Amino acid sequence: MQKLKVAGNSGQNPGFDFLQECWNDDPALQIVIKKLLVKFPQWGIAIMDRVLVA
């Protein structure tokens, strides 16, 4: 969760693999990740059919 907060504050992409791991581990983190992807579309990561895609 801390790494996601840092990404939200700095705008630095934590990496697709990290985001996908968090996405699969905890449904609560999915909400945080969705907000990050809306805030930073330049990361080139999207959600399709409830799955992260790069």
C-alpha atoms as a PDB file:
ATOM      1  CA  MET A   1       0.000   0.000   0.000  1.00  0.00           C
ATOM      2  CA  GLN A   2       2.854   2.385   0.810  1.00  0.00           C
ATOM      3  CA  LYS A   3       4.374   1.990  -2.653  1.00  0.00           C
ATOM      4  CA  LEU A   4       0.992   2.813  -4.205  1.00  0.00           C
ATOM      5  CA  LYS A   5       0.712   5.954  -2.056  1.00  0.00           C
ATOM      6  CA  VAL A   6       4.181   7.065  -3.151  1.00  0.00           C
ATOM      7  CA  ALA A   7       3.216   6.490  -6.791  1.00  0.00           C
ATOM      8  CA  GLY A   8       0.100   8.584  -6.300  1.00  0.00           C
ATOM      9  CA  ASN A   9       2.058  11.459  -4.810  1.00  0.00           C
ATOM     10  CA  SER A  10       5.041  11.385  -7.154  1.00  0.00           C
ATOM     11  CA  GLY A  11       3.478  10.206 -10.407  1.00  0.00           C
ATOM     12  CA  GLN A  12       6.206   7.599 -10.831  1.00  0.00           C
ATOM     13  CA  ASN A  13       4.947   4.381 -12.360  1.00  0.00           C
ATOM     14  CA  PRO A  14       5.600   1.518  -9.907  1.00  0.00           C
ATOM     15  CA  GLY A  15       5.639  -0.938 -12.805  1.00  0.00           C
ATOM     16  CA  PHE A  16       3.035  -3.109 -14.435  1.00  0.00           C
ATOM     17  CA  ASP A  17       4.150  -6.296 -12.669  1.00  0.00           C
ATOM     18  CA  PHE A  18       3.848  -4.668  -9.243  1.00  0.00           C
ATOM     19  CA  LEU A  19       0.413  -3.237 -10.042  1.00  0.00           C
ATOM     20  CA  GLN A  20      -0.784  -6.573 -11.367  1.00  0.00           C
ATOM     21  CA  GLU A  21       0.440  -8.384  -8.254  1.00  0.00           C
ATOM     22  CA  CYS A  22      -1.411  -5.910  -6.017  1.00  0.00           C
ATOM     23  CA  TRP A  23      -4.486  -6.147  -8.252  1.00  0.00           C
ATOM     24  CA  ASN A  24      -4.594  -9.926  -7.887  1.00  0.00           C
ATOM     25  CA  ASP A  25      -3.811  -9.947  -4.144  1.00  0.00           C
ATOM     26  CA  ASP A  26      -6.375  -7.608  -2.649  1.00  0.00           C
ATOM     27  CA  PRO A  27      -9.716  -6.309  -3.964  1.00  0.00           C
ATOM     28  CA  ALA A  28      -9.337  -3.195  -1.798  1.00  0.00           C
ATOM     29  CA  LEU A  29      -6.137  -2.315  -3.648  1.00  0.00           C
ATOM     30  CA  GLN A  30      -8.028  -2.529  -6.935  1.00  0.00           C
ATOM     31  CA  ILE A  31      -9.840   0.675  -5.976  1.00  0.00           C
ATOM     32  CA  VAL A  32      -6.546   2.439  -5.301  1.00  0.00           C
ATOM     33  CA  ILE A  33      -5.074   1.195  -8.578  1.00  0.00           C
ATOM     34  CA  LYS A  34      -8.147   2.291 -10.548  1.00  0.00           C
ATOM     35  CA  LYS A  35      -7.754   5.811  -9.149  1.00  0.00           C
ATOM     36  CA  LEU A  36      -4.048   5.865 -10.015  1.00  0.00           C
ATOM     37  CA  LEU A  37      -4.710   4.767 -13.589  1.00  0.00           C
ATOM     38  CA  VAL A  38      -7.276   7.523 -14.036  1.00  0.00           C
ATOM     39  CA  LYS A  39      -4.872  10.073 -12.551  1.00  0.00           C
ATOM     40  CA  PHE A  40      -1.894   8.906 -14.642  1.00  0.00           C
ATOM     41  CA  PRO A  41      -3.084   7.717 -18.096  1.00  0.00           C
ATOM     42  CA  GLN A  42       0.447   8.288 -19.419  1.00  0.00           C
ATOM     43  CA  TRP A  43       1.476   5.049 -17.688  1.00  0.00           C
ATOM     44  CA  GLY A  44      -0.249   3.192 -20.543  1.00  0.00           C
ATOM     45  CA  ILE A  45      -2.056   0.719 -18.282  1.00  0.00           C
ATOM     46  CA  ALA A  46      -5.769   0.090 -18.553  1.00  0.00           C
ATOM     47  CA  ILE A  47      -8.446  -2.158 -17.122  1.00  0.00           C
ATOM     48  CA  MET A  48     -10.374  -4.391 -19.495  1.00  0.00           C
ATOM     49  CA  ASP A  49     -12.921  -6.906 -18.233  1.00  0.00           C
ATOM     50  CA  ARG A  50     -11.556  -6.478 -14.687  1.00  0.00           C
ATOM     51  CA  VAL A  51      -8.012  -7.338 -15.830  1.00  0.00           C
ATOM     52  CA  LEU A  52      -5.014  -5.007 -16.019  1.00  0.00           C
ATOM     53  CA  VAL A  53      -3.460  -4.654 -19.467  1.00  0.00           C
ATOM     54  CA  ALA A  54      -0.394  -2.764 -20.575  1.00  0.00           C
END
